[in-house]
Amino acid sequence: MHIAPSFPNLSVLLIDASPHYRRIIRTMMYQAQLHRIFEASDLSSAATMFIQKQPNIVILDWDLPDSGSMKCLASIRSFKTSPFAKAPVLVMMERPDRRSVVHAAKLGAHEIINKPISPNNLWLHLSGIINIPRKYKEQNGSISLVPRAISNNMF
């Protein structure tokens, strides 16, 4: 058993159509001292919650109906629609394939994680988002992430 890290004073917007899966993720986040969790089940409630609550992190299910996740991620990264275009976004994918992963990354996902998610894997990705901030660049009215550089010191 691993001990959960602590991420106090951060808020998270959890967007997933499944109330069951939101409960599972919420439980994992509670273990990491993330208690300010806002939930949305679709694109319209996510947009409202995003603007009202201004979360520090967004956890987004890639499999929202009607391409909701792609629209949500694009609107988060747009200067025109989002006052918080640099909010870190962790995308959850049930069946990640190369095309979906590349598309999510191009739309501005910070991290991509496979479902089902273990607590340790979620904490690892959250830690990466919090402790290793990504750089941004502005492009065509949107913000995109600069790819992480591979350091020569890593090997």
Protein backbone atom coordinates (compact mmCIF):
# COMPACT_ATOMS: atom_id res chain seq x y z
CA MET A 1 0.00 0.00 0.00
CA HIS A 2 1.28 3.42 -0.95
CA ILE A 3 0.81 6.58 1.02
CA ALA A 4 -1.11 9.28 -0.84
CA PRO A 5 0.65 12.56 -1.52
CA SER A 6 -0.92 15.74 -0.25
CA PHE A 7 -2.18 18.44 -2.59
CA PRO A 8 -3.96 20.82 -0.21
CA ASN A 9 -5.55 24.10 -1.25
CA LEU A 10 -6.11 23.07 -4.85
CA SER A 11 -9.46 22.77 -6.58
CA VAL A 12 -10.37 20.28 -9.27
CA LEU A 13 -13.13 20.22 -11.86
CA LEU A 14 -13.95 16.59 -12.61
CA ILE A 15 -15.85 16.11 -15.88
CA ASP A 16 -17.22 12.61 -16.55
CA ALA A 17 -20.65 11.43 -17.67
CA SER A 18 -20.56 8.48 -15.26
CA PRO A 19 -21.56 9.29 -11.66
CA HIS A 20 -19.98 5.99 -10.62
CA TYR A 21 -16.62 6.89 -12.12
CA ARG A 22 -16.76 10.43 -10.72
CA ARG A 23 -17.26 8.91 -7.25
CA ILE A 24 -14.22 6.63 -7.72
CA ILE A 25 -11.97 9.51 -8.84
CA ARG A 26 -13.32 11.77 -6.08
CA THR A 27 -12.41 9.13 -3.48
CA MET A 28 -8.85 8.93 -4.84
CA MET A 29 -8.55 12.71 -4.74
CA TYR A 30 -9.83 12.86 -1.15
CA GLN A 31 -7.00 10.51 -0.19
CA ALA A 32 -4.56 13.08 -1.62
CA GLN A 33 -6.15 15.89 0.46
CA LEU A 34 -7.95 17.35 -2.56
CA HIS A 35 -11.29 18.29 -1.03
CA ARG A 36 -12.43 21.13 -3.30
CA ILE A 37 -13.82 18.99 -6.10
CA PHE A 38 -16.45 20.28 -8.49
CA GLU A 39 -18.23 17.84 -10.77
CA ALA A 40 -19.86 18.09 -14.18
CA SER A 41 -21.45 15.39 -16.30
CA ASP A 42 -21.63 17.18 -19.65
CA LEU A 43 -20.21 20.04 -21.68
CA SER A 44 -22.71 22.72 -20.67
CA SER A 45 -22.45 22.08 -16.92
CA ALA A 46 -18.65 21.84 -17.28
CA ALA A 47 -18.48 25.24 -18.97
CA THR A 48 -20.60 26.86 -16.27
CA MET A 49 -18.64 25.21 -13.46
CA PHE A 50 -15.30 26.12 -15.07
CA ILE A 51 -16.17 29.82 -15.22
CA GLN A 52 -17.83 29.97 -11.77
CA LYS A 53 -15.33 27.91 -9.77
CA GLN A 54 -12.05 28.67 -11.59
CA PRO A 55 -10.46 25.30 -10.76
CA ASN A 56 -6.72 24.82 -10.49
CA ILE A 57 -6.89 21.51 -12.39
CA VAL A 58 -9.39 19.93 -14.79
CA ILE A 59 -9.81 16.16 -15.07
CA LEU A 60 -11.69 15.42 -18.28
CA ASP A 61 -13.14 12.16 -19.59
CA TRP A 62 -12.30 11.90 -23.31
CA ASP A 63 -15.43 9.84 -24.01
CA LEU A 64 -18.09 12.49 -23.34
CA PRO A 65 -21.06 12.21 -25.75
CA ASP A 66 -21.21 14.32 -28.93
CA SER A 67 -17.46 15.06 -28.95
CA GLY A 68 -18.01 17.01 -25.72
CA SER A 69 -14.47 16.43 -24.48
CA MET A 70 -12.87 17.84 -27.62
CA LYS A 71 -15.15 20.89 -27.51
CA CYS A 72 -14.48 21.32 -23.80
CA LEU A 73 -10.70 21.14 -24.16
CA ALA A 74 -10.73 23.50 -27.16
CA SER A 75 -12.88 26.03 -25.29
CA ILE A 76 -10.64 25.87 -22.20
CA ARG A 77 -7.62 26.70 -24.37
CA SER A 78 -9.34 29.50 -26.31
CA PHE A 79 -8.63 33.10 -25.28
CA LYS A 80 -12.02 34.10 -26.64
CA THR A 81 -14.04 31.79 -24.38
CA SER A 82 -11.77 31.10 -21.42
CA PRO A 83 -10.33 33.50 -18.87
CA PHE A 84 -8.30 30.56 -17.49
CA ALA A 85 -6.82 29.17 -20.71
CA LYS A 86 -3.73 27.87 -18.90
CA ALA A 87 -5.57 25.59 -16.46
CA PRO A 88 -3.85 22.18 -16.44
CA VAL A 89 -6.02 19.44 -17.99
CA LEU A 90 -5.63 15.72 -17.27
CA VAL A 91 -7.48 13.68 -19.89
CA MET A 92 -8.79 10.19 -19.04
CA MET A 93 -9.21 7.72 -21.92
CA GLU A 94 -10.93 4.36 -21.81
CA ARG A 95 -9.52 3.12 -25.14
CA PRO A 96 -6.52 5.27 -25.97
CA ASP A 97 -5.33 4.94 -29.53
CA ARG A 98 -2.58 6.91 -31.20
CA ARG A 99 -5.00 9.22 -33.05
CA SER A 100 -6.94 10.12 -29.88
CA VAL A 101 -3.80 10.70 -27.82
CA VAL A 102 -2.27 12.94 -30.49
CA HIS A 103 -5.55 14.84 -30.89
CA ALA A 104 -5.87 15.41 -27.12
CA ALA A 105 -2.26 16.56 -26.93
CA LYS A 106 -2.75 18.98 -29.84
CA LEU A 107 -5.85 20.41 -28.17
CA GLY A 108 -3.82 21.10 -25.02
CA ALA A 109 -4.03 18.14 -22.65
CA HIS A 110 -1.23 18.25 -20.07
CA GLU A 111 -1.39 14.57 -19.23
CA ILE A 112 -3.27 11.57 -20.59
CA ILE A 113 -4.17 8.64 -18.37
CA ASN A 114 -5.78 5.29 -19.16
CA LYS A 115 -8.99 4.11 -17.52
CA PRO A 116 -9.34 2.26 -15.23
CA ILE A 117 -7.15 4.45 -13.06
CA SER A 118 -5.29 3.32 -9.99
CA PRO A 119 -4.82 5.78 -7.13
CA ASN A 120 -1.03 5.72 -7.55
CA ASN A 121 -1.28 6.44 -11.26
CA LEU A 122 -3.66 9.34 -10.68
CA TRP A 123 -1.41 10.79 -7.97
CA LEU A 124 1.64 10.42 -10.23
CA HIS A 125 -0.05 12.37 -13.02
CA LEU A 126 -1.36 15.04 -10.63
CA SER A 127 2.12 15.39 -9.17
CA GLY A 128 3.52 15.85 -12.66
CA ILE A 129 0.99 18.58 -13.42
CA ILE A 130 1.68 20.39 -10.15
CA ASN A 131 5.43 19.92 -9.75
CA ILE A 132 6.58 20.04 -13.38
CA PRO A 133 4.71 22.94 -14.95
CA ARG A 134 4.46 23.03 -18.73
CA LYS A 135 5.23 26.09 -20.84
CA TYR A 136 2.64 27.62 -23.15
CA LYS A 137 2.65 29.39 -26.47
CA GLU A 138 -0.06 31.53 -28.02
CA GLN A 139 -1.26 30.55 -31.45
CA ASN A 140 -4.35 31.59 -33.47
CA GLY A 141 -6.34 32.82 -30.46
CA SER A 142 -5.60 29.70 -28.43
CA ILE A 143 -2.97 28.50 -26.05
CA SER A 144 -1.01 25.36 -26.78
CA LEU A 145 1.54 23.53 -24.70
CA VAL A 146 5.20 23.47 -25.57
CA PRO A 147 6.33 19.82 -25.77
CA ARG A 148 8.48 18.64 -22.91
CA ALA A 149 12.13 18.59 -23.84
CA ILE A 150 14.14 15.47 -23.13
CA SER A 151 16.99 16.38 -20.85
CA ASN A 152 20.43 14.89 -21.50
CA ASN A 153 20.80 14.50 -17.74
CA MET A 154 17.96 11.98 -17.58
CA PHE A 155 20.01 9.06 -18.87
